[in-house]
Amino acid sequence: MKILITGTAGFIGFQLSKLLLKEGIDVIGYDGMTSYYDINLKKKRNEILNNFSNYTFNEGMLEDEYKLEKIFDKTKPDIVIHLAAQAGVRYSLENPRSYINSNIVGTFNIMEMAKNYKIKHLLMASTSSVYGSNIDMPFKEVSKSDNQLTIYAATKKANENMAHSYSHLWKLPVTLFRFFTVYGPWGRPDMALFKFVSAILNNKPIEIYNQGKMFRDFTYIDDLVLAIRKLIDVNPSETIKENLNIQNDSISPVAPFRIVNIGNSKKIKLLDFIEAIEKKLNKKAIRKYMPMQKGDVPATWADVSLLNELTGYCPQTNVKEGISHFIDWYLDYYNN
């Protein structure tokens, strides 16, 4: 089995690739190596992947249709996992055009390749941000998701709609993941855990939005990539053929298309999250309480019963354990 993964030098793409490579699966990597955050972190991740003989890396942007076509033509992957994107809720307020280019145009190019090269299963990353202003929690895949609050979330919702249309028109099997606040070793420097640890160690204040009245469903990276690995084998076309009666299934009535939440299914108070960091570091944060950030939501919480029914698996890493693993990695990586 050959799997093409976009975003292999990114946080999730790196960890998923490593899991698959250890299993002996051939992984074809594709990444733009952009400078949205520390490029050295991306290079180091890619360096680790390059140690595997069954890994092939290709550098290129999602918007480069010609480059993508050359790689698909040369490698002929069986499965595509599309994780690359312009990420970050807050950055989308500063540079919205980059989200249109990467997340809309780039994802369209991936879908075109998947259609043209008759990919057996296209799996794509979405986000819990698509639930937007919905306050009916825990979020189910069949819950309303019509009111996105940022251009980032809007592009991801557009990706879901685009993928459904391709799935319907071309009978392309598609699985969409909605990720919930992923964290862990090798994480992104723009995310809360990374920023908090760095600030505390450097005696700088941490910004706590909505006066700390925030909740998040924090999902540990190892749990997330294992869930993706299991979903690779759950092809929507096959479950339709088998006529499985799955409660609250998000499977489309007109296409081999499904959306699946991947979260820890626990709503954690942000202040408890910060206290766990302080305890592990044995150091108090300098707290700067802030109003709600524009486009942000006060809470996220995933219902993962569909993931469990499809795969028999639920993410389960305790947030204190996950924070401890991240901080151990951080201190080692930065030689603190």
C-alpha atoms as a PDB file:
ATOM      1  CA  MET A   1       0.000   0.000   0.000  1.00  0.00           C
ATOM      2  CA  LYS A   2       1.312   3.430  -0.995  1.00  0.00           C
ATOM      3  CA  ILE A   3      -0.027   6.469   0.825  1.00  0.00           C
ATOM      4  CA  LEU A   4       0.562  10.063  -0.234  1.00  0.00           C
ATOM      5  CA  ILE A   5       0.378  12.474   2.694  1.00  0.00           C
ATOM      6  CA  THR A   6       0.351  16.233   2.327  1.00  0.00           C
ATOM      7  CA  GLY A   7       1.906  18.214   5.159  1.00  0.00           C
ATOM      8  CA  THR A   8       4.441  15.577   6.248  1.00  0.00           C
ATOM      9  CA  ALA A   9       6.752  18.201   7.765  1.00  0.00           C
ATOM     10  CA  GLY A  10       3.844  19.534   9.821  1.00  0.00           C
ATOM     11  CA  PHE A  11       2.918  18.465  13.328  1.00  0.00           C
ATOM     12  CA  ILE A  12       0.189  15.919  12.557  1.00  0.00           C
ATOM     13  CA  GLY A  13       1.574  14.837   9.178  1.00  0.00           C
ATOM     14  CA  PHE A  14       4.960  14.068  10.731  1.00  0.00           C
ATOM     15  CA  GLN A  15       3.548  11.953  13.550  1.00  0.00           C
ATOM     16  CA  LEU A  16       1.154  10.081  11.239  1.00  0.00           C
ATOM     17  CA  SER A  17       3.906   9.422   8.692  1.00  0.00           C
ATOM     18  CA  LYS A  18       6.186   8.055  11.406  1.00  0.00           C
ATOM     19  CA  LEU A  19       3.458   5.673  12.587  1.00  0.00           C
ATOM     20  CA  LEU A  20       2.805   4.379   9.065  1.00  0.00           C
ATOM     21  CA  LEU A  21       6.502   4.110   8.169  1.00  0.00           C
ATOM     22  CA  LYS A  22       7.161   1.996  11.262  1.00  0.00           C
ATOM     23  CA  GLU A  23       4.388  -0.289  10.057  1.00  0.00           C
ATOM     24  CA  GLY A  24       6.270  -0.737   6.768  1.00  0.00           C
ATOM     25  CA  ILE A  25       3.870   1.274   4.616  1.00  0.00           C
ATOM     26  CA  ASP A  26       5.352   3.327   1.767  1.00  0.00           C
ATOM     27  CA  VAL A  27       4.750   7.014   2.448  1.00  0.00           C
ATOM     28  CA  ILE A  28       5.050   9.700  -0.220  1.00  0.00           C
ATOM     29  CA  GLY A  29       5.480  13.040   1.526  1.00  0.00           C
ATOM     30  CA  TYR A  30       4.484  16.437   0.135  1.00  0.00           C
ATOM     31  CA  ASP A  31       5.071  19.711   1.980  1.00  0.00           C
ATOM     32  CA  GLY A  32       5.591  23.358   1.072  1.00  0.00           C
ATOM     33  CA  MET A  33       8.022  23.978   3.981  1.00  0.00           C
ATOM     34  CA  THR A  34       6.533  27.449   4.442  1.00  0.00           C
ATOM     35  CA  SER A  35       7.760  29.893   7.067  1.00  0.00           C
ATOM     36  CA  TYR A  36       4.435  30.321   8.910  1.00  0.00           C
ATOM     37  CA  TYR A  37       6.368  29.090  11.949  1.00  0.00           C
ATOM     38  CA  ASP A  38       9.956  27.990  12.704  1.00  0.00           C
ATOM     39  CA  ILE A  39      11.194  26.309   9.525  1.00  0.00           C
ATOM     40  CA  ASN A  40      13.936  24.519  11.496  1.00  0.00           C
ATOM     41  CA  LEU A  41      11.290  22.540  13.360  1.00  0.00           C
ATOM     42  CA  LYS A  42       9.830  21.401  10.034  1.00  0.00           C
ATOM     43  CA  LYS A  43      13.280  20.504   8.711  1.00  0.00           C
ATOM     44  CA  LYS A  44      14.057  18.438  11.792  1.00  0.00           C
ATOM     45  CA  ARG A  45      10.789  16.519  11.496  1.00  0.00           C
ATOM     46  CA  ASN A  46      11.497  15.829   7.837  1.00  0.00           C
ATOM     47  CA  GLU A  47      15.042  14.767   8.646  1.00  0.00           C
ATOM     48  CA  ILE A  48      13.673  12.111  11.008  1.00  0.00           C
ATOM     49  CA  LEU A  49      11.274  10.823   8.345  1.00  0.00           C
ATOM     50  CA  ASN A  50      14.058  10.694   5.763  1.00  0.00           C
ATOM     51  CA  ASN A  51      15.787   8.068   7.907  1.00  0.00           C
ATOM     52  CA  PHE A  52      13.111   5.598   6.780  1.00  0.00           C
ATOM     53  CA  SER A  53      13.869   3.846   3.482  1.00  0.00           C
ATOM     54  CA  ASN A  54      10.136   3.672   2.684  1.00  0.00           C
ATOM     55  CA  TYR A  55       9.738   7.463   2.831  1.00  0.00           C
ATOM     56  CA  THR A  56       9.977   9.719  -0.213  1.00  0.00           C
ATOM     57  CA  PHE A  57       9.785  13.477   0.222  1.00  0.00           C
ATOM     58  CA  ASN A  58       8.645  16.048  -2.336  1.00  0.00           C
ATOM     59  CA  GLU A  59       8.728  19.770  -1.661  1.00  0.00           C
ATOM     60  CA  GLY A  60       5.987  21.833  -3.270  1.00  0.00           C
ATOM     61  CA  MET A  61       2.952  24.013  -2.681  1.00  0.00           C
ATOM     62  CA  LEU A  62      -0.595  22.725  -2.871  1.00  0.00           C
ATOM     63  CA  GLU A  63      -1.360  25.475  -5.369  1.00  0.00           C
ATOM     64  CA  ASP A  64       1.201  24.029  -7.807  1.00  0.00           C
ATOM     65  CA  GLU A  65      -1.091  21.816  -9.875  1.00  0.00           C
ATOM     66  CA  TYR A  66       1.677  20.881 -12.329  1.00  0.00           C
ATOM     67  CA  LYS A  67       4.009  19.705  -9.538  1.00  0.00           C
ATOM     68  CA  LEU A  68       1.247  17.680  -7.900  1.00  0.00           C
ATOM     69  CA  GLU A  69       0.343  15.988 -11.167  1.00  0.00           C
ATOM     70  CA  LYS A  70       3.951  14.976 -11.797  1.00  0.00           C
ATOM     71  CA  ILE A  71       4.166  13.369  -8.358  1.00  0.00           C
ATOM     72  CA  PHE A  72       0.850  11.539  -8.675  1.00  0.00           C
ATOM     73  CA  ASP A  73       1.818  10.315 -12.135  1.00  0.00           C
ATOM     74  CA  LYS A  74       5.185   9.083 -10.926  1.00  0.00           C
ATOM     75  CA  THR A  75       4.147   7.477  -7.614  1.00  0.00           C
ATOM     76  CA  LYS A  76       0.550   6.372  -8.286  1.00  0.00           C
ATOM     77  CA  PRO A  77      -0.570   6.253  -4.642  1.00  0.00           C
ATOM     78  CA  ASP A  78      -3.426   4.040  -3.494  1.00  0.00           C
ATOM     79  CA  ILE A  79      -4.586   6.370  -0.716  1.00  0.00           C
ATOM     80  CA  VAL A  80      -4.242  10.113  -0.110  1.00  0.00           C
ATOM     81  CA  ILE A  81      -4.315  11.770   3.318  1.00  0.00           C
ATOM     82  CA  HIS A  82      -4.613  15.533   2.916  1.00  0.00           C
ATOM     83  CA  LEU A  83      -3.377  17.280   6.071  1.00  0.00           C
ATOM     84  CA  ALA A  84      -1.522  20.285   4.626  1.00  0.00           C
ATOM     85  CA  ALA A  85      -3.262  23.632   5.063  1.00  0.00           C
ATOM     86  CA  GLN A  86      -2.764  27.168   6.176  1.00  0.00           C
ATOM     87  CA  ALA A  87      -3.501  26.620   9.846  1.00  0.00           C
ATOM     88  CA  GLY A  88      -4.258  28.909  12.751  1.00  0.00           C
ATOM     89  CA  VAL A  89      -7.476  30.614  13.751  1.00  0.00           C
ATOM     90  CA  ARG A  90      -5.834  33.876  14.820  1.00  0.00           C
ATOM     91  CA  TYR A  91      -3.512  34.219  11.829  1.00  0.00           C
ATOM     92  CA  SER A  92      -6.578  34.095   9.567  1.00  0.00           C
ATOM     93  CA  LEU A  93      -7.501  37.542  10.895  1.00  0.00           C
ATOM     94  CA  GLU A  94      -4.168  38.923   9.664  1.00  0.00           C
ATOM     95  CA  ASN A  95      -3.683  37.150   6.341  1.00  0.00           C
ATOM     96  CA  PRO A  96      -6.995  35.716   5.080  1.00  0.00           C
ATOM     97  CA  ARG A  97      -5.841  35.454   1.455  1.00  0.00           C
ATOM     98  CA  SER A  98      -3.288  32.769   2.341  1.00  0.00           C
ATOM     99  CA  TYR A  99      -6.189  30.583   3.534  1.00  0.00           C
ATOM    100  CA  ILE A 100      -8.006  30.943   0.236  1.00  0.00           C
ATOM    101  CA  ASN A 101      -4.879  30.038  -1.733  1.00  0.00           C
ATOM    102  CA  SER A 102      -3.834  27.067   0.368  1.00  0.00           C
ATOM    103  CA  ASN A 103      -7.084  25.696   1.761  1.00  0.00           C
ATOM    104  CA  ILE A 104      -9.430  26.322  -1.176  1.00  0.00           C
ATOM    105  CA  VAL A 105      -7.262  26.244  -4.308  1.00  0.00           C
ATOM    106  CA  GLY A 106      -4.806  23.739  -2.849  1.00  0.00           C
ATOM    107  CA  THR A 107      -7.514  21.361  -1.650  1.00  0.00           C
ATOM    108  CA  PHE A 108      -9.283  21.591  -5.004  1.00  0.00           C
ATOM    109  CA  ASN A 109      -6.038  20.473  -6.671  1.00  0.00           C
ATOM    110  CA  ILE A 110      -5.775  17.490  -4.327  1.00  0.00           C
ATOM    111  CA  MET A 111      -9.362  16.473  -5.075  1.00  0.00           C
ATOM    112  CA  GLU A 112      -8.730  16.739  -8.805  1.00  0.00           C
ATOM    113  CA  MET A 113      -5.711  14.436  -8.466  1.00  0.00           C
ATOM    114  CA  ALA A 114      -7.710  11.983  -6.343  1.00  0.00           C
ATOM    115  CA  LYS A 115     -10.419  11.901  -9.018  1.00  0.00           C
ATOM    116  CA  ASN A 116      -8.077  11.666 -12.003  1.00  0.00           C
ATOM    117  CA  TYR A 117      -5.872   8.974 -10.485  1.00  0.00           C
ATOM    118  CA  LYS A 118      -8.811   6.977  -9.081  1.00  0.00           C
ATOM    119  CA  ILE A 119      -7.637   7.048  -5.475  1.00  0.00           C
ATOM    120  CA  LYS A 120      -9.172   4.250  -3.374  1.00  0.00           C
ATOM    121  CA  HIS A 121      -9.757   6.466  -0.336  1.00  0.00           C
ATOM    122  CA  LEU A 122      -9.224  10.192   0.160  1.00  0.00           C
ATOM    123  CA  LEU A 123      -8.938  11.251   3.802  1.00  0.00           C
ATOM    124  CA  MET A 124      -8.889  14.965   4.656  1.00  0.00           C
ATOM    125  CA  ALA A 125      -8.395  17.137   7.721  1.00  0.00           C
ATOM    126  CA  SER A 126     -11.107  19.481   8.867  1.00  0.00           C
ATOM    127  CA  THR A 127     -11.494  21.148  12.257  1.00  0.00           C
ATOM    128  CA  SER A 128     -13.790  21.537  15.229  1.00  0.00           C
ATOM    129  CA  SER A 129     -13.844  25.240  14.296  1.00  0.00           C
ATOM    130  CA  VAL A 130     -16.487  24.436  11.667  1.00  0.00           C
ATOM    131  CA  TYR A 131     -19.037  24.071  14.494  1.00  0.00           C
ATOM    132  CA  GLY A 132     -18.671  27.841  14.885  1.00  0.00           C
ATOM    133  CA  SER A 133     -21.330  29.467  17.033  1.00  0.00           C
ATOM    134  CA  ASN A 134     -23.079  26.174  17.796  1.00  0.00           C
ATOM    135  CA  ILE A 135     -23.380  25.779  21.586  1.00  0.00           C
ATOM    136  CA  ASP A 136     -25.164  22.400  21.588  1.00  0.00           C
ATOM    137  CA  MET A 137     -22.437  20.157  23.030  1.00  0.00           C
ATOM    138  CA  PRO A 138     -20.876  17.686  22.802  1.00  0.00           C
ATOM    139  CA  PHE A 139     -20.592  18.312  19.083  1.00  0.00           C
ATOM    140  CA  LYS A 140     -21.859  15.482  16.889  1.00  0.00           C
ATOM    141  CA  GLU A 141     -20.906  15.131  13.239  1.00  0.00           C
ATOM    142  CA  VAL A 142     -24.573  15.565  12.347  1.00  0.00           C
ATOM    143  CA  SER A 143     -24.851  18.748  14.459  1.00  0.00           C
ATOM    144  CA  LYS A 144     -25.473  22.078  12.761  1.00  0.00           C
ATOM    145  CA  SER A 145     -22.287  23.646  11.390  1.00  0.00           C
ATOM    146  CA  ASP A 146     -23.481  26.585   9.320  1.00  0.00           C
ATOM    147  CA  ASN A 147     -22.118  29.580  11.233  1.00  0.00           C
ATOM    148  CA  GLN A 148     -18.321  29.666  11.080  1.00  0.00           C
ATOM    149  CA  LEU A 149     -16.670  32.577  12.886  1.00  0.00           C
ATOM    150  CA  THR A 150     -13.332  32.892  11.025  1.00  0.00           C
ATOM    151  CA  ILE A 151     -12.115  32.614   7.446  1.00  0.00           C
ATOM    152  CA  TYR A 152     -10.016  29.606   8.545  1.00  0.00           C
ATOM    153  CA  ALA A 153     -13.129  27.765   9.700  1.00  0.00           C
ATOM    154  CA  ALA A 154     -15.030  28.890   6.605  1.00  0.00           C
ATOM    155  CA  THR A 155     -12.371  27.480   4.286  1.00  0.00           C
ATOM    156  CA  LYS A 156     -12.463  24.169   6.133  1.00  0.00           C
ATOM    157  CA  LYS A 157     -16.244  24.001   5.873  1.00  0.00           C
ATOM    158  CA  ALA A 158     -15.895  24.802   2.176  1.00  0.00           C
ATOM    159  CA  ASN A 159     -13.459  21.890   1.902  1.00  0.00           C
ATOM    160  CA  GLU A 160     -16.063  19.584   3.411  1.00  0.00           C
ATOM    161  CA  ASN A 161     -18.692  20.744   0.911  1.00  0.00           C
ATOM    162  CA  MET A 162     -16.274  20.534  -2.031  1.00  0.00           C
ATOM    163  CA  ALA A 163     -15.253  17.016  -1.045  1.00  0.00           C
ATOM    164  CA  HIS A 164     -18.871  15.905  -0.743  1.00  0.00           C
ATOM    165  CA  SER A 165     -19.626  17.121  -4.259  1.00  0.00           C
ATOM    166  CA  TYR A 166     -16.593  15.274  -5.664  1.00  0.00           C
ATOM    167  CA  SER A 167     -17.540  12.163  -3.747  1.00  0.00           C
ATOM    168  CA  HIS A 168     -21.047  12.291  -5.198  1.00  0.00           C
ATOM    169  CA  LEU A 169     -20.059  13.160  -8.772  1.00  0.00           C
ATOM    170  CA  TRP A 170     -17.153  10.744  -9.138  1.00  0.00           C
ATOM    171  CA  LYS A 171     -17.992   8.085  -6.517  1.00  0.00           C
ATOM    172  CA  LEU A 172     -14.778   9.031  -4.744  1.00  0.00           C
ATOM    173  CA  PRO A 173     -14.617   7.549  -1.200  1.00  0.00           C
ATOM    174  CA  VAL A 174     -13.907  10.416   1.222  1.00  0.00           C
ATOM    175  CA  THR A 175     -13.470  10.572   4.990  1.00  0.00           C
ATOM    176  CA  LEU A 176     -13.227  13.983   6.687  1.00  0.00           C
ATOM    177  CA  PHE A 177     -11.689  14.325  10.155  1.00  0.00           C
ATOM    178  CA  ARG A 178     -12.753  17.116  12.487  1.00  0.00           C
ATOM    179  CA  PHE A 179      -9.800  17.608  14.830  1.00  0.00           C
ATOM    180  CA  PHE A 180     -10.192  18.987  18.353  1.00  0.00           C
ATOM    181  CA  THR A 181      -7.240  21.025  19.781  1.00  0.00           C
ATOM    182  CA  VAL A 182      -4.384  18.647  19.050  1.00  0.00           C
ATOM    183  CA  TYR A 183      -1.284  18.881  21.247  1.00  0.00           C
ATOM    184  CA  GLY A 184       1.854  16.905  22.082  1.00  0.00           C
ATOM    185  CA  PRO A 185       5.553  16.481  21.229  1.00  0.00           C
ATOM    186  CA  TRP A 186       6.710  18.181  18.011  1.00  0.00           C
ATOM    187  CA  GLY A 187       3.670  20.470  18.168  1.00  0.00           C
ATOM    188  CA  ARG A 188       3.229  23.855  16.529  1.00  0.00           C
ATOM    189  CA  PRO A 189       4.791  26.925  18.196  1.00  0.00           C
ATOM    190  CA  ASP A 190       1.653  28.994  17.540  1.00  0.00           C
ATOM    191  CA  MET A 191      -0.545  26.742  19.678  1.00  0.00           C
ATOM    192  CA  ALA A 192      -1.430  27.355  23.327  1.00  0.00           C
ATOM    193  CA  LEU A 193       0.632  24.634  25.029  1.00  0.00           C
ATOM    194  CA  PHE A 194       3.823  25.514  23.146  1.00  0.00           C
ATOM    195  CA  LYS A 195       3.342  29.247  23.760  1.00  0.00           C
ATOM    196  CA  PHE A 196       2.524  28.792  27.450  1.00  0.00           C
ATOM    197  CA  VAL A 197       5.534  26.569  28.168  1.00  0.00           C
ATOM    198  CA  SER A 198       7.898  28.881  26.297  1.00  0.00           C
ATOM    199  CA  ALA A 199       6.577  31.990  28.056  1.00  0.00           C
ATOM    200  CA  ILE A 200       6.672  30.467  31.546  1.00  0.00           C
ATOM    201  CA  LEU A 201      10.241  29.228  31.108  1.00  0.00           C
ATOM    202  CA  ASN A 202      11.317  32.654  29.823  1.00  0.00           C
ATOM    203  CA  ASN A 203       9.528  34.588  32.564  1.00  0.00           C
ATOM    204  CA  LYS A 204       7.113  36.186  30.125  1.00  0.00           C
ATOM    205  CA  PRO A 205       3.356  36.611  30.656  1.00  0.00           C
ATOM    206  CA  ILE A 206       0.868  34.225  29.082  1.00  0.00           C
ATOM    207  CA  GLU A 207      -2.286  35.665  27.521  1.00  0.00           C
ATOM    208  CA  ILE A 208      -5.456  34.034  28.823  1.00  0.00           C
ATOM    209  CA  TYR A 209      -8.517  34.927  26.771  1.00  0.00           C
ATOM    210  CA  ASN A 210     -12.087  35.433  27.963  1.00  0.00           C
ATOM    211  CA  GLN A 211     -10.695  35.970  31.479  1.00  0.00           C
ATOM    212  CA  GLY A 212      -9.933  32.238  31.597  1.00  0.00           C
ATOM    213  CA  LYS A 213     -13.559  31.173  31.063  1.00  0.00           C
ATOM    214  CA  MET A 214     -12.611  28.807  28.245  1.00  0.00           C
ATOM    215  CA  PHE A 215     -12.949  25.062  27.759  1.00  0.00           C
ATOM    216  CA  ARG A 216     -11.250  22.884  25.172  1.00  0.00           C
ATOM    217  CA  ASP A 217     -11.337  19.233  24.175  1.00  0.00           C
ATOM    218  CA  PHE A 218      -7.561  18.659  24.171  1.00  0.00           C
ATOM    219  CA  THR A 219      -6.551  15.685  21.989  1.00  0.00           C
ATOM    220  CA  TYR A 220      -3.144  14.057  22.404  1.00  0.00           C
ATOM    221  CA  ILE A 221      -1.247  13.569  19.148  1.00  0.00           C
ATOM    222  CA  ASP A 222      -0.595   9.821  19.539  1.00  0.00           C
ATOM    223  CA  ASP A 223      -4.308   9.203  20.055  1.00  0.00           C
ATOM    224  CA  LEU A 224      -5.177  11.310  17.036  1.00  0.00           C
ATOM    225  CA  VAL A 225      -2.825   9.626  14.566  1.00  0.00           C
ATOM    226  CA  LEU A 226      -3.865   6.171  15.770  1.00  0.00           C
ATOM    227  CA  ALA A 227      -7.486   7.125  15.096  1.00  0.00           C
ATOM    228  CA  ILE A 228      -6.523   8.258  11.577  1.00  0.00           C
ATOM    229  CA  ARG A 229      -4.648   5.001  11.017  1.00  0.00           C
ATOM    230  CA  LYS A 230      -7.735   3.012  11.925  1.00  0.00           C
ATOM    231  CA  LEU A 231      -9.993   5.144   9.721  1.00  0.00           C
ATOM    232  CA  ILE A 232      -7.798   4.495   6.668  1.00  0.00           C
ATOM    233  CA  ASP A 233      -9.267   0.993   6.639  1.00  0.00           C
ATOM    234  CA  VAL A 234     -12.875   2.177   7.100  1.00  0.00           C
ATOM    235  CA  ASN A 235     -13.750   2.986   3.497  1.00  0.00           C
ATOM    236  CA  PRO A 236     -17.169   4.681   3.172  1.00  0.00           C
ATOM    237  CA  SER A 237     -17.861   2.744  -0.048  1.00  0.00           C
ATOM    238  CA  GLU A 238     -17.449  -0.557   1.782  1.00  0.00           C
ATOM    239  CA  THR A 239     -19.678   0.413   4.715  1.00  0.00           C
ATOM    240  CA  ILE A 240     -22.378   1.455   2.231  1.00  0.00           C
ATOM    241  CA  LYS A 241     -22.094  -1.934   0.465  1.00  0.00           C
ATOM    242  CA  GLU A 242     -22.301  -3.753   3.780  1.00  0.00           C
ATOM    243  CA  ASN A 243     -25.403  -1.705   4.647  1.00  0.00           C
ATOM    244  CA  LEU A 244     -24.193  -1.165   8.197  1.00  0.00           C
ATOM    245  CA  ASN A 245     -26.727   0.410  10.530  1.00  0.00           C
ATOM    246  CA  ILE A 246     -24.571   2.808  12.550  1.00  0.00           C
ATOM    247  CA  GLN A 247     -26.303   5.128  14.995  1.00  0.00           C
ATOM    248  CA  ASN A 248     -25.775   8.849  14.271  1.00  0.00           C
ATOM    249  CA  ASP A 249     -23.662   7.994  11.226  1.00  0.00           C
ATOM    250  CA  SER A 250     -22.677  11.018   9.147  1.00  0.00           C
ATOM    251  CA  ILE A 251     -22.495   8.954   5.954  1.00  0.00           C
ATOM    252  CA  SER A 252     -24.032  10.846   3.053  1.00  0.00           C
ATOM    253  CA  PRO A 253     -27.246   9.473   1.532  1.00  0.00           C
ATOM    254  CA  VAL A 254     -25.926  10.275  -1.960  1.00  0.00           C
ATOM    255  CA  ALA A 255     -22.155   9.710  -1.777  1.00  0.00           C
ATOM    256  CA  PRO A 256     -19.440   7.511  -0.212  1.00  0.00           C
ATOM    257  CA  PHE A 257     -18.623  10.394   2.140  1.00  0.00           C
ATOM    258  CA  ARG A 258     -18.335  10.555   5.919  1.00  0.00           C
ATOM    259  CA  ILE A 259     -17.270  13.082   8.579  1.00  0.00           C
ATOM    260  CA  VAL A 260     -15.708  11.821  11.832  1.00  0.00           C
ATOM    261  CA  ASN A 261     -14.839  13.746  14.996  1.00  0.00           C
ATOM    262  CA  ILE A 262     -11.458  12.976  16.543  1.00  0.00           C
ATOM    263  CA  GLY A 263     -11.286  14.375  20.055  1.00  0.00           C
ATOM    264  CA  ASN A 264     -10.652  13.255  23.612  1.00  0.00           C
ATOM    265  CA  SER A 265     -14.370  13.648  24.452  1.00  0.00           C
ATOM    266  CA  LYS A 266     -13.559  15.609  27.624  1.00  0.00           C
ATOM    267  CA  LYS A 267     -14.196  19.326  28.160  1.00  0.00           C
ATOM    268  CA  ILE A 268     -11.150  20.686  30.028  1.00  0.00           C
ATOM    269  CA  LYS A 269     -11.128  24.097  31.692  1.00  0.00           C
ATOM    270  CA  LEU A 270      -8.311  26.258  30.320  1.00  0.00           C
ATOM    271  CA  LEU A 271      -7.230  27.305  33.827  1.00  0.00           C
ATOM    272  CA  ASP A 272      -6.890  23.636  34.831  1.00  0.00           C
ATOM    273  CA  PHE A 273      -4.770  23.099  31.718  1.00  0.00           C
ATOM    274  CA  ILE A 274      -2.497  25.974  32.757  1.00  0.00           C
ATOM    275  CA  GLU A 275      -2.236  24.661  36.321  1.00  0.00           C
ATOM    276  CA  ALA A 276      -1.092  21.268  34.975  1.00  0.00           C
ATOM    277  CA  ILE A 277       1.662  23.027  33.016  1.00  0.00           C
ATOM    278  CA  GLU A 278       2.743  24.984  36.105  1.00  0.00           C
ATOM    279  CA  LYS A 279       2.850  21.826  38.199  1.00  0.00           C
ATOM    280  CA  LYS A 280       4.986  19.949  35.669  1.00  0.00           C
ATOM    281  CA  LEU A 281       7.384  22.908  35.311  1.00  0.00           C
ATOM    282  CA  ASN A 282       7.262  23.616  39.030  1.00  0.00           C
ATOM    283  CA  LYS A 283       6.904  27.265  38.121  1.00  0.00           C
ATOM    284  CA  LYS A 284       4.011  29.717  38.202  1.00  0.00           C
ATOM    285  CA  ALA A 285       2.904  31.544  35.083  1.00  0.00           C
ATOM    286  CA  ILE A 286       2.681  35.312  34.888  1.00  0.00           C
ATOM    287  CA  ARG A 287      -0.978  35.555  33.916  1.00  0.00           C
ATOM    288  CA  LYS A 288      -2.377  38.283  31.705  1.00  0.00           C
ATOM    289  CA  TYR A 289      -6.147  37.998  31.509  1.00  0.00           C
ATOM    290  CA  MET A 290      -7.633  39.192  28.237  1.00  0.00           C
ATOM    291  CA  PRO A 291     -11.113  39.637  26.701  1.00  0.00           C
ATOM    292  CA  MET A 292     -12.400  37.087  24.209  1.00  0.00           C
ATOM    293  CA  GLN A 293     -10.313  36.988  21.041  1.00  0.00           C
ATOM    294  CA  LYS A 294     -12.208  37.918  17.880  1.00  0.00           C
ATOM    295  CA  GLY A 295     -13.476  34.805  16.082  1.00  0.00           C
ATOM    296  CA  ASP A 296     -12.781  32.508  19.055  1.00  0.00           C
ATOM    297  CA  VAL A 297     -15.328  30.274  20.803  1.00  0.00           C
ATOM    298  CA  PRO A 298     -15.649  29.716  24.556  1.00  0.00           C
ATOM    299  CA  ALA A 299     -15.768  25.921  24.386  1.00  0.00           C
ATOM    300  CA  THR A 300     -15.291  22.798  22.247  1.00  0.00           C
ATOM    301  CA  TRP A 301     -16.261  19.247  23.130  1.00  0.00           C
ATOM    302  CA  ALA A 302     -16.360  16.222  20.840  1.00  0.00           C
ATOM    303  CA  ASP A 303     -18.788  13.355  20.723  1.00  0.00           C
ATOM    304  CA  VAL A 304     -16.589  10.488  19.479  1.00  0.00           C
ATOM    305  CA  SER A 305     -19.180   7.703  19.524  1.00  0.00           C
ATOM    306  CA  LEU A 306     -19.059   7.452  15.719  1.00  0.00           C
ATOM    307  CA  LEU A 307     -15.267   6.998  15.751  1.00  0.00           C
ATOM    308  CA  ASN A 308     -15.688   4.315  18.396  1.00  0.00           C
ATOM    309  CA  GLU A 309     -18.398   2.503  16.454  1.00  0.00           C
ATOM    310  CA  LEU A 310     -16.396   2.560  13.220  1.00  0.00           C
ATOM    311  CA  THR A 311     -13.025   1.572  14.683  1.00  0.00           C
ATOM    312  CA  GLY A 312     -13.572   0.290  18.214  1.00  0.00           C
ATOM    313  CA  TYR A 313     -11.222   3.022  19.407  1.00  0.00           C
ATOM    314  CA  CYS A 314     -11.500   6.213  21.456  1.00  0.00           C
ATOM    315  CA  PRO A 315      -8.691   8.673  22.312  1.00  0.00           C
ATOM    316  CA  GLN A 316      -7.926   8.337  26.003  1.00  0.00           C
ATOM    317  CA  THR A 317      -4.667  10.027  27.030  1.00  0.00           C
ATOM    318  CA  ASN A 318      -5.162  12.055  30.210  1.00  0.00           C
ATOM    319  CA  VAL A 319      -4.383  15.742  29.653  1.00  0.00           C
ATOM    320  CA  LYS A 320      -1.878  15.845  32.542  1.00  0.00           C
ATOM    321  CA  GLU A 321      -0.009  12.897  31.041  1.00  0.00           C
ATOM    322  CA  GLY A 322      -0.055  14.510  27.602  1.00  0.00           C
ATOM    323  CA  ILE A 323       1.244  17.824  28.940  1.00  0.00           C
ATOM    324  CA  SER A 324       4.030  15.987  30.766  1.00  0.00           C
ATOM    325  CA  HIS A 325       5.108  14.231  27.544  1.00  0.00           C
ATOM    326  CA  PHE A 326       5.131  17.519  25.655  1.00  0.00           C
ATOM    327  CA  ILE A 327       7.200  19.342  28.263  1.00  0.00           C
ATOM    328  CA  ASP A 328       9.724  16.477  28.414  1.00  0.00           C
ATOM    329  CA  TRP A 329      10.107  16.756  24.637  1.00  0.00           C
ATOM    330  CA  TYR A 330      10.316  20.560  24.746  1.00  0.00           C
ATOM    331  CA  LEU A 331      13.038  20.604  27.395  1.00  0.00           C
ATOM    332  CA  ASP A 332      15.035  18.010  25.490  1.00  0.00           C
ATOM    333  CA  TYR A 333      14.597  19.699  22.082  1.00  0.00           C
ATOM    334  CA  TYR A 334      15.596  23.131  23.340  1.00  0.00           C
ATOM    335  CA  ASN A 335      18.187  21.746  25.780  1.00  0.00           C
ATOM    336  CA  ASN A 336      16.660  23.497  28.786  1.00  0.00           C
END
